[in-house]
Amino acid sequence: MKNSSIVGSIVEPYAEALMSIAQSNDLTEKFGDDARIILEMWESSEQLRSLLSHPLINPEAKKGVLRQITQDQMDSYVQRFLFLLVDRGRIQFLDGVCQSYLTRLRELNQTVLAQVTSAVELTEEEGRAIAERTKAMTNARDVELQARIDPDLIGGVIIQVGSQVIDASLRGQLRRIGLALA
């Protein structure tokens, strides 16, 4: 397990540099979209994580893979930034850098991240309703929903915004009833 303060001291300066480049070129939203794509690829591909994180794989081979998967999708600044992470031996921190950048972007845009866990996939209308309630609760300008499905909830939702958790799931209600009866 990586020490979080050490990881933070590595991740934060790179995220800050990426934000600086984005702001100076008026590309903050485009970089945010690119960071989301990178995170999706990173989280969905064990092979990609292994290849990029492996210390014995040639940096040029890593850049070649990155060039192939990013060439038509991402801004050239982002692509060069990824190459810089490879050159500096920091590519294994890519997910942390992207997450930190997205956190900075949300702060810049006065947007909160609401992590929503539901028993079934939310409809667009349900997502909008949750976003509106979250907006009212947090006084944010906008809400970014991150949905996850957990069939064990039985029904309802759990909404987490920062450290605040609202458990409106059937599983949570049954647990509370059980505690009240005990």
C-alpha atoms as a PDB file:
ATOM      1  CA  MET A   1       0.000   0.000   0.000  1.00  0.00           C
ATOM      2  CA  LYS A   2       1.358   3.390  -0.980  1.00  0.00           C
ATOM      3  CA  ASN A   3       1.743   5.982   1.740  1.00  0.00           C
ATOM      4  CA  SER A   4      -0.940   8.579   0.971  1.00  0.00           C
ATOM      5  CA  SER A   5       1.178  11.588   1.992  1.00  0.00           C
ATOM      6  CA  ILE A   6       4.004  10.462  -0.305  1.00  0.00           C
ATOM      7  CA  VAL A   7       1.538   9.821  -3.135  1.00  0.00           C
ATOM      8  CA  GLY A   8      -0.051  13.218  -2.515  1.00  0.00           C
ATOM      9  CA  SER A   9       3.311  14.951  -2.657  1.00  0.00           C
ATOM     10  CA  ILE A  10       3.880  13.340  -6.073  1.00  0.00           C
ATOM     11  CA  VAL A  11       0.356  13.636  -7.498  1.00  0.00           C
ATOM     12  CA  GLU A  12      -0.555  17.181  -6.455  1.00  0.00           C
ATOM     13  CA  PRO A  13       2.243  19.079  -8.259  1.00  0.00           C
ATOM     14  CA  TYR A  14       1.488  17.223 -11.503  1.00  0.00           C
ATOM     15  CA  ALA A  15      -2.253  17.885 -11.192  1.00  0.00           C
ATOM     16  CA  GLU A  16      -1.516  21.528 -10.439  1.00  0.00           C
ATOM     17  CA  ALA A  17       0.754  21.765 -13.491  1.00  0.00           C
ATOM     18  CA  LEU A  18      -1.900  20.171 -15.699  1.00  0.00           C
ATOM     19  CA  MET A  19      -4.492  22.646 -14.405  1.00  0.00           C
ATOM     20  CA  SER A  20      -2.098  25.528 -15.052  1.00  0.00           C
ATOM     21  CA  ILE A  21      -1.591  24.416 -18.659  1.00  0.00           C
ATOM     22  CA  ALA A  22      -5.347  23.972 -19.088  1.00  0.00           C
ATOM     23  CA  GLN A  23      -6.173  27.408 -17.701  1.00  0.00           C
ATOM     24  CA  SER A  24      -3.503  29.205 -19.703  1.00  0.00           C
ATOM     25  CA  ASN A  25      -4.869  27.631 -22.906  1.00  0.00           C
ATOM     26  CA  ASP A  26      -8.568  27.874 -21.938  1.00  0.00           C
ATOM     27  CA  LEU A  27      -8.902  24.081 -22.101  1.00  0.00           C
ATOM     28  CA  THR A  28      -9.995  23.181 -18.546  1.00  0.00           C
ATOM     29  CA  GLU A  29     -13.171  21.371 -19.649  1.00  0.00           C
ATOM     30  CA  LYS A  30     -11.442  19.548 -22.520  1.00  0.00           C
ATOM     31  CA  PHE A  31      -8.717  18.373 -20.143  1.00  0.00           C
ATOM     32  CA  GLY A  32     -11.443  17.267 -17.729  1.00  0.00           C
ATOM     33  CA  ASP A  33     -13.069  15.185 -20.468  1.00  0.00           C
ATOM     34  CA  ASP A  34      -9.661  13.706 -21.322  1.00  0.00           C
ATOM     35  CA  ALA A  35      -8.988  12.918 -17.642  1.00  0.00           C
ATOM     36  CA  ARG A  36     -12.335  11.083 -17.417  1.00  0.00           C
ATOM     37  CA  ILE A  37     -11.472   9.027 -20.516  1.00  0.00           C
ATOM     38  CA  ILE A  38      -8.047   8.193 -19.078  1.00  0.00           C
ATOM     39  CA  LEU A  39      -9.567   7.140 -15.744  1.00  0.00           C
ATOM     40  CA  GLU A  40     -12.119   4.955 -17.497  1.00  0.00           C
ATOM     41  CA  MET A  41      -9.372   3.219 -19.503  1.00  0.00           C
ATOM     42  CA  TRP A  42      -7.155   2.918 -16.406  1.00  0.00           C
ATOM     43  CA  GLU A  43      -9.909   1.374 -14.284  1.00  0.00           C
ATOM     44  CA  SER A  44     -11.233  -0.958 -16.980  1.00  0.00           C
ATOM     45  CA  SER A  45      -7.928  -2.404 -18.190  1.00  0.00           C
ATOM     46  CA  GLU A  46      -5.683  -4.356 -15.850  1.00  0.00           C
ATOM     47  CA  GLN A  47      -3.324  -4.929 -18.805  1.00  0.00           C
ATOM     48  CA  LEU A  48      -2.916  -1.192 -19.387  1.00  0.00           C
ATOM     49  CA  ARG A  49      -2.209  -0.555 -15.697  1.00  0.00           C
ATOM     50  CA  SER A  50       0.314  -3.394 -15.588  1.00  0.00           C
ATOM     51  CA  LEU A  51       2.075  -2.323 -18.750  1.00  0.00           C
ATOM     52  CA  LEU A  52       2.364   1.345 -17.806  1.00  0.00           C
ATOM     53  CA  SER A  53       3.313   0.662 -14.186  1.00  0.00           C
ATOM     54  CA  HIS A  54       5.925  -2.025 -14.895  1.00  0.00           C
ATOM     55  CA  PRO A  55       9.399  -0.561 -14.259  1.00  0.00           C
ATOM     56  CA  LEU A  56      11.213  -2.847 -16.715  1.00  0.00           C
ATOM     57  CA  ILE A  57       9.148  -1.956 -19.776  1.00  0.00           C
ATOM     58  CA  ASN A  58      10.915   0.502 -22.045  1.00  0.00           C
ATOM     59  CA  PRO A  59       9.534   4.069 -21.750  1.00  0.00           C
ATOM     60  CA  GLU A  60       9.337   4.328 -25.548  1.00  0.00           C
ATOM     61  CA  ALA A  61       7.083   1.247 -25.624  1.00  0.00           C
ATOM     62  CA  LYS A  62       4.856   2.858 -22.994  1.00  0.00           C
ATOM     63  CA  LYS A  63       4.703   6.061 -25.036  1.00  0.00           C
ATOM     64  CA  GLY A  64       3.826   4.044 -28.135  1.00  0.00           C
ATOM     65  CA  VAL A  65       0.877   2.470 -26.349  1.00  0.00           C
ATOM     66  CA  LEU A  66      -0.234   5.844 -25.006  1.00  0.00           C
ATOM     67  CA  ARG A  67       0.128   7.374 -28.469  1.00  0.00           C
ATOM     68  CA  GLN A  68      -2.105   4.659 -29.946  1.00  0.00           C
ATOM     69  CA  ILE A  69      -4.877   4.969 -27.382  1.00  0.00           C
ATOM     70  CA  THR A  70      -4.877   8.772 -27.179  1.00  0.00           C
ATOM     71  CA  GLN A  71      -3.989  10.048 -30.642  1.00  0.00           C
ATOM     72  CA  ASP A  72      -7.468  10.886 -31.943  1.00  0.00           C
ATOM     73  CA  GLN A  73      -9.259  11.324 -28.622  1.00  0.00           C
ATOM     74  CA  MET A  74      -7.133  13.656 -26.559  1.00  0.00           C
ATOM     75  CA  ASP A  75      -5.642  17.089 -26.711  1.00  0.00           C
ATOM     76  CA  SER A  76      -1.972  17.178 -27.716  1.00  0.00           C
ATOM     77  CA  TYR A  77      -1.099  18.919 -24.427  1.00  0.00           C
ATOM     78  CA  VAL A  78      -2.585  16.003 -22.499  1.00  0.00           C
ATOM     79  CA  GLN A  79      -0.738  13.510 -24.678  1.00  0.00           C
ATOM     80  CA  ARG A  80       2.579  15.300 -24.084  1.00  0.00           C
ATOM     81  CA  PHE A  81       1.773  15.449 -20.370  1.00  0.00           C
ATOM     82  CA  LEU A  82       1.337  11.649 -20.353  1.00  0.00           C
ATOM     83  CA  PHE A  83       4.718  11.285 -22.067  1.00  0.00           C
ATOM     84  CA  LEU A  84       6.251  13.530 -19.390  1.00  0.00           C
ATOM     85  CA  LEU A  85       4.856  11.224 -16.691  1.00  0.00           C
ATOM     86  CA  VAL A  86       6.477   8.269 -18.478  1.00  0.00           C
ATOM     87  CA  ASP A  87       9.819  10.087 -18.811  1.00  0.00           C
ATOM     88  CA  ARG A  88       9.806  11.035 -15.118  1.00  0.00           C
ATOM     89  CA  GLY A  89       8.844   7.515 -14.001  1.00  0.00           C
ATOM     90  CA  ARG A  90       5.539   8.750 -12.561  1.00  0.00           C
ATOM     91  CA  ILE A  91       3.039   7.114 -14.933  1.00  0.00           C
ATOM     92  CA  GLN A  92       1.934   4.684 -12.200  1.00  0.00           C
ATOM     93  CA  PHE A  93       0.371   7.712 -10.468  1.00  0.00           C
ATOM     94  CA  LEU A  94      -1.746   8.557 -13.517  1.00  0.00           C
ATOM     95  CA  ASP A  95      -5.066   7.745 -11.842  1.00  0.00           C
ATOM     96  CA  GLY A  96      -4.230   9.938  -8.859  1.00  0.00           C
ATOM     97  CA  VAL A  97      -3.155  12.827 -11.087  1.00  0.00           C
ATOM     98  CA  CYS A  98      -6.390  12.595 -13.103  1.00  0.00           C
ATOM     99  CA  GLN A  99      -8.559  12.371  -9.989  1.00  0.00           C
ATOM    100  CA  SER A 100      -6.764  15.324  -8.438  1.00  0.00           C
ATOM    101  CA  TYR A 101      -7.186  17.336 -11.641  1.00  0.00           C
ATOM    102  CA  LEU A 102     -10.930  16.567 -11.682  1.00  0.00           C
ATOM    103  CA  THR A 103     -11.191  17.634  -8.032  1.00  0.00           C
ATOM    104  CA  ARG A 104      -9.506  20.943  -8.905  1.00  0.00           C
ATOM    105  CA  LEU A 105     -11.806  21.351 -11.906  1.00  0.00           C
ATOM    106  CA  ARG A 106     -14.894  20.789  -9.740  1.00  0.00           C
ATOM    107  CA  GLU A 107     -13.616  23.407  -7.270  1.00  0.00           C
ATOM    108  CA  LEU A 108     -12.974  25.848 -10.101  1.00  0.00           C
ATOM    109  CA  ASN A 109     -16.493  25.317 -11.481  1.00  0.00           C
ATOM    110  CA  GLN A 110     -18.163  25.225  -8.036  1.00  0.00           C
ATOM    111  CA  THR A 111     -19.335  21.693  -8.734  1.00  0.00           C
ATOM    112  CA  VAL A 112     -19.756  18.944  -6.159  1.00  0.00           C
ATOM    113  CA  LEU A 113     -19.308  15.233  -6.754  1.00  0.00           C
ATOM    114  CA  ALA A 114     -22.261  13.140  -5.625  1.00  0.00           C
ATOM    115  CA  GLN A 115     -21.544   9.431  -5.514  1.00  0.00           C
ATOM    116  CA  VAL A 116     -24.889   7.678  -5.913  1.00  0.00           C
ATOM    117  CA  THR A 117     -25.313   3.987  -5.186  1.00  0.00           C
ATOM    118  CA  SER A 118     -28.615   2.417  -6.201  1.00  0.00           C
ATOM    119  CA  ALA A 119     -30.097  -1.059  -6.489  1.00  0.00           C
ATOM    120  CA  VAL A 120     -30.914  -0.535 -10.182  1.00  0.00           C
ATOM    121  CA  GLU A 121     -29.730   1.866 -12.852  1.00  0.00           C
ATOM    122  CA  LEU A 122     -31.127   5.355 -12.376  1.00  0.00           C
ATOM    123  CA  THR A 123     -33.348   6.885 -15.022  1.00  0.00           C
ATOM    124  CA  GLU A 124     -32.470  10.313 -16.408  1.00  0.00           C
ATOM    125  CA  GLU A 125     -35.325  11.824 -14.435  1.00  0.00           C
ATOM    126  CA  GLU A 126     -34.143  10.238 -11.170  1.00  0.00           C
ATOM    127  CA  GLY A 127     -30.599  11.444 -11.844  1.00  0.00           C
ATOM    128  CA  ARG A 128     -31.846  14.989 -12.430  1.00  0.00           C
ATOM    129  CA  ALA A 129     -33.941  14.891  -9.243  1.00  0.00           C
ATOM    130  CA  ILE A 130     -30.952  13.699  -7.186  1.00  0.00           C
ATOM    131  CA  ALA A 131     -28.752  16.379  -8.776  1.00  0.00           C
ATOM    132  CA  GLU A 132     -31.293  19.117  -7.976  1.00  0.00           C
ATOM    133  CA  ARG A 133     -31.659  18.011  -4.346  1.00  0.00           C
ATOM    134  CA  THR A 134     -27.904  17.770  -3.975  1.00  0.00           C
ATOM    135  CA  LYS A 135     -27.502  21.240  -5.489  1.00  0.00           C
ATOM    136  CA  ALA A 136     -30.005  22.674  -3.005  1.00  0.00           C
ATOM    137  CA  MET A 137     -28.365  20.837  -0.096  1.00  0.00           C
ATOM    138  CA  THR A 138     -24.815  21.968  -0.912  1.00  0.00           C
ATOM    139  CA  ASN A 139     -25.426  25.380  -2.523  1.00  0.00           C
ATOM    140  CA  ALA A 140     -23.222  24.278  -5.417  1.00  0.00           C
ATOM    141  CA  ARG A 141     -23.579  25.715  -8.888  1.00  0.00           C
ATOM    142  CA  ASP A 142     -23.599  22.239 -10.435  1.00  0.00           C
ATOM    143  CA  VAL A 143     -23.521  18.556  -9.451  1.00  0.00           C
ATOM    144  CA  GLU A 144     -21.537  15.760 -11.062  1.00  0.00           C
ATOM    145  CA  LEU A 145     -23.176  12.383 -10.472  1.00  0.00           C
ATOM    146  CA  GLN A 146     -21.077   9.255 -10.234  1.00  0.00           C
ATOM    147  CA  ALA A 147     -23.489   6.314 -10.284  1.00  0.00           C
ATOM    148  CA  ARG A 148     -22.822   2.787  -9.060  1.00  0.00           C
ATOM    149  CA  ILE A 149     -25.184  -0.184  -8.870  1.00  0.00           C
ATOM    150  CA  ASP A 150     -25.357  -2.414  -5.779  1.00  0.00           C
ATOM    151  CA  PRO A 151     -28.202  -4.969  -5.932  1.00  0.00           C
ATOM    152  CA  ASP A 152     -27.736  -5.664  -2.189  1.00  0.00           C
ATOM    153  CA  LEU A 153     -29.443  -2.332  -1.440  1.00  0.00           C
ATOM    154  CA  ILE A 154     -32.776  -3.965  -2.408  1.00  0.00           C
ATOM    155  CA  GLY A 155     -34.160  -0.520  -3.347  1.00  0.00           C
ATOM    156  CA  GLY A 156     -33.587   3.190  -2.828  1.00  0.00           C
ATOM    157  CA  VAL A 157     -30.286   5.047  -3.001  1.00  0.00           C
ATOM    158  CA  ILE A 158     -27.262   6.058  -0.960  1.00  0.00           C
ATOM    159  CA  ILE A 159     -25.894   9.500  -1.807  1.00  0.00           C
ATOM    160  CA  GLN A 160     -22.438  10.581  -0.669  1.00  0.00           C
ATOM    161  CA  VAL A 161     -21.234  14.154  -1.081  1.00  0.00           C
ATOM    162  CA  GLY A 162     -17.845  14.597   0.529  1.00  0.00           C
ATOM    163  CA  SER A 163     -18.108  13.152   4.030  1.00  0.00           C
ATOM    164  CA  GLN A 164     -21.903  13.511   4.184  1.00  0.00           C
ATOM    165  CA  VAL A 165     -23.885  10.312   3.503  1.00  0.00           C
ATOM    166  CA  ILE A 166     -27.633  10.093   2.994  1.00  0.00           C
ATOM    167  CA  ASP A 167     -28.818   6.492   3.199  1.00  0.00           C
ATOM    168  CA  ALA A 168     -32.294   6.222   1.681  1.00  0.00           C
ATOM    169  CA  SER A 169     -31.927   2.553   0.796  1.00  0.00           C
ATOM    170  CA  LEU A 170     -34.214  -0.263   1.908  1.00  0.00           C
ATOM    171  CA  ARG A 171     -31.198  -2.093   3.312  1.00  0.00           C
ATOM    172  CA  GLY A 172     -30.396   0.967   5.443  1.00  0.00           C
ATOM    173  CA  GLN A 173     -33.995   1.295   6.601  1.00  0.00           C
ATOM    174  CA  LEU A 174     -34.119  -2.381   7.564  1.00  0.00           C
ATOM    175  CA  ARG A 175     -30.847  -1.997   9.467  1.00  0.00           C
ATOM    176  CA  ARG A 176     -32.202   1.028  11.349  1.00  0.00           C
ATOM    177  CA  ILE A 177     -35.426  -0.840  12.215  1.00  0.00           C
ATOM    178  CA  GLY A 178     -33.346  -3.786  13.451  1.00  0.00           C
ATOM    179  CA  LEU A 179     -31.264  -1.483  15.646  1.00  0.00           C
ATOM    180  CA  ALA A 180     -34.406   0.163  17.042  1.00  0.00           C
ATOM    181  CA  LEU A 181     -35.918  -3.204  17.913  1.00  0.00           C
ATOM    182  CA  ALA A 182     -32.737  -4.505  19.546  1.00  0.00           C
END
